[in-house]
Amino acid sequence: GKGRINLSPYQVRLDDKGVHVSLPRLGVSRNYILASFIQDLTIQASEDLAGRKIRSYDLLSVTVDWEGLRVPLVRGSAYITAIFQAKTPTFQ
């Protein structure tokens, strides 16, 4: 899917182009608190990525693979890691 994943402290969205990372901003009103997704970083490859699939998962993590890109997502991690193989990394 393309929904948000709350890793705390980050939120990420995954799609066929790569990983979109947000450090959420809180919108606070009298009736609610809303964490908004404002994209701070995109991790992708210059070449096309295809074949997105879940490689492994447990209670606190999931590893997502594309052809040539592996991204382990770990709840509570201070870092977002992307492992490229035979692809050119691009960051926006």
Protein backbone atom coordinates (compact mmCIF):
# COMPACT_ATOMS: atom_id res chain seq x y z
CA GLY A 1 0.00 0.00 0.00
CA LYS A 2 0.85 3.66 0.00
CA GLY A 3 -0.30 4.55 3.52
CA ARG A 4 1.84 6.05 6.26
CA ILE A 5 3.95 3.85 8.48
CA ASN A 6 4.60 5.33 11.92
CA LEU A 7 8.08 4.28 13.00
CA SER A 8 8.37 6.86 15.77
CA PRO A 9 10.13 9.25 15.49
CA TYR A 10 9.64 9.13 11.70
CA GLN A 11 6.73 8.39 9.43
CA VAL A 12 7.40 6.84 6.04
CA ARG A 13 5.47 6.15 2.87
CA LEU A 14 6.59 3.52 0.40
CA ASP A 15 5.80 3.43 -3.29
CA ASP A 16 7.24 2.07 -6.52
CA LYS A 17 9.78 4.92 -6.63
CA GLY A 18 11.23 4.51 -3.12
CA VAL A 19 10.87 5.76 0.44
CA HIS A 20 9.39 9.10 1.51
CA VAL A 21 10.35 10.18 5.04
CA SER A 22 8.70 12.73 7.31
CA LEU A 23 9.48 13.98 10.78
CA PRO A 24 5.84 14.65 11.71
CA ARG A 25 4.64 18.06 12.73
CA LEU A 26 1.81 18.23 15.22
CA GLY A 27 -1.26 20.30 14.55
CA VAL A 28 -2.95 21.00 17.86
CA SER A 29 -6.40 22.37 18.46
CA ARG A 30 -8.82 22.25 21.33
CA ASN A 31 -10.47 19.06 20.03
CA TYR A 32 -7.63 17.06 18.49
CA ILE A 33 -3.94 16.56 17.85
CA LEU A 34 -3.02 15.71 14.26
CA ALA A 35 0.37 14.45 13.05
CA SER A 36 0.84 15.72 9.50
CA PHE A 37 3.03 14.08 6.87
CA ILE A 38 5.28 16.70 5.29
CA GLN A 39 7.89 15.00 3.16
CA ASP A 40 11.40 15.87 4.38
CA LEU A 41 13.42 13.30 2.45
CA THR A 42 12.91 10.97 -0.50
CA ILE A 43 15.24 8.01 -0.99
CA GLN A 44 15.08 6.51 -4.46
CA ALA A 45 17.23 5.39 -7.38
CA SER A 46 17.94 7.07 -10.71
CA GLU A 47 16.97 3.81 -12.38
CA ASP A 48 13.49 2.33 -12.17
CA LEU A 49 12.66 0.34 -9.07
CA ALA A 50 10.31 -2.60 -9.43
CA GLY A 51 9.14 -5.63 -7.56
CA ARG A 52 8.48 -4.11 -4.13
CA LYS A 53 7.92 -6.84 -1.56
CA ILE A 54 8.22 -7.57 2.14
CA ARG A 55 11.42 -9.54 2.75
CA SER A 56 10.95 -10.11 6.49
CA TYR A 57 9.15 -8.69 9.50
CA ASP A 58 8.75 -9.05 13.25
CA LEU A 59 6.99 -7.08 15.98
CA LEU A 60 9.26 -4.01 15.68
CA SER A 61 10.62 -4.06 12.15
CA VAL A 62 9.98 -4.78 8.51
CA THR A 63 12.48 -5.10 5.66
CA VAL A 64 11.21 -3.97 2.26
CA ASP A 65 12.95 -4.96 -0.98
CA TRP A 66 12.77 -3.54 -4.46
CA GLU A 67 15.01 -4.79 -7.26
CA GLY A 68 18.34 -3.23 -6.23
CA LEU A 69 17.17 -1.51 -3.03
CA ARG A 70 16.63 -2.87 0.48
CA VAL A 71 15.20 -0.76 3.31
CA PRO A 72 15.02 -2.11 6.86
CA LEU A 73 12.46 -0.07 8.82
CA VAL A 74 12.77 -0.33 12.60
CA ARG A 75 10.40 1.27 15.09
CA GLY A 76 12.22 3.74 17.33
CA SER A 77 15.37 3.84 15.20
CA ALA A 78 17.10 7.20 14.95
CA TYR A 79 18.12 6.40 11.36
CA ILE A 80 16.59 5.41 8.04
CA THR A 81 18.83 2.94 6.22
CA ALA A 82 18.80 2.23 2.47
CA ILE A 83 21.03 -0.43 0.92
CA PHE A 84 21.54 0.01 -2.82
CA GLN A 85 22.89 -2.67 -5.12
CA ALA A 86 23.60 -1.88 -8.78
CA LYS A 87 21.41 1.24 -8.55
CA THR A 88 22.34 4.94 -8.33
CA PRO A 89 21.01 6.54 -5.14
CA THR A 90 19.17 9.83 -5.31
CA PHE A 91 17.98 11.92 -2.38
CA GLN A 92 15.53 14.80 -2.48
